[in-house]
Protein backbone atom coordinates (compact mmCIF):
# COMPACT_ATOMS: atom_id res chain seq x y z
CA GLN A 1 0.04 -0.13 -0.37
CA PHE A 2 2.83 2.18 0.11
CA ASP A 3 3.50 2.36 -3.50
CA GLY A 4 1.48 5.64 -4.40
CA THR A 5 3.03 7.33 -1.53
CA GLY A 6 6.64 6.55 -2.24
CA SER A 7 6.10 7.02 -5.77
CA LEU A 8 5.23 10.57 -4.18
CA LEU A 9 7.86 11.25 -2.60
CA GLN A 10 10.08 10.54 -5.77
CA THR A 11 9.04 12.78 -7.37
CA VAL A 12 9.09 15.19 -4.76
CA THR A 13 12.44 14.35 -4.36
CA THR A 14 13.39 14.38 -8.02
CA ARG A 15 11.69 17.48 -8.39
CA LEU A 16 14.01 19.35 -5.51
CA ALA A 17 16.40 17.45 -7.49
CA ALA A 18 15.81 19.81 -10.94
CA SER A 19 15.23 22.35 -9.21
CA SER A 20 18.53 22.68 -7.17
CA TYR A 21 20.55 21.36 -9.84
CA GLY A 22 18.27 24.52 -12.32
CA GLU A 23 19.83 27.00 -9.63
CA ASP A 24 23.18 26.09 -9.32
CA GLU A 25 22.73 26.47 -13.71
CA LEU A 26 21.44 29.66 -12.59
CA MET A 27 23.68 30.77 -10.47
CA SER A 28 26.87 29.82 -12.50
CA LEU A 29 25.53 31.80 -15.76
CA ILE A 30 24.79 34.99 -13.25
CA GLN A 31 28.25 34.23 -11.40
CA THR A 32 30.42 34.45 -15.73
């Protein structure tokens, strides 16, 4: 019964990872 919650958690984690990666890329562009 944890599949739904697990998938949701993984999705949120993935989005957070992508978001922070995007921020790092943005900071790199700003610093350049």
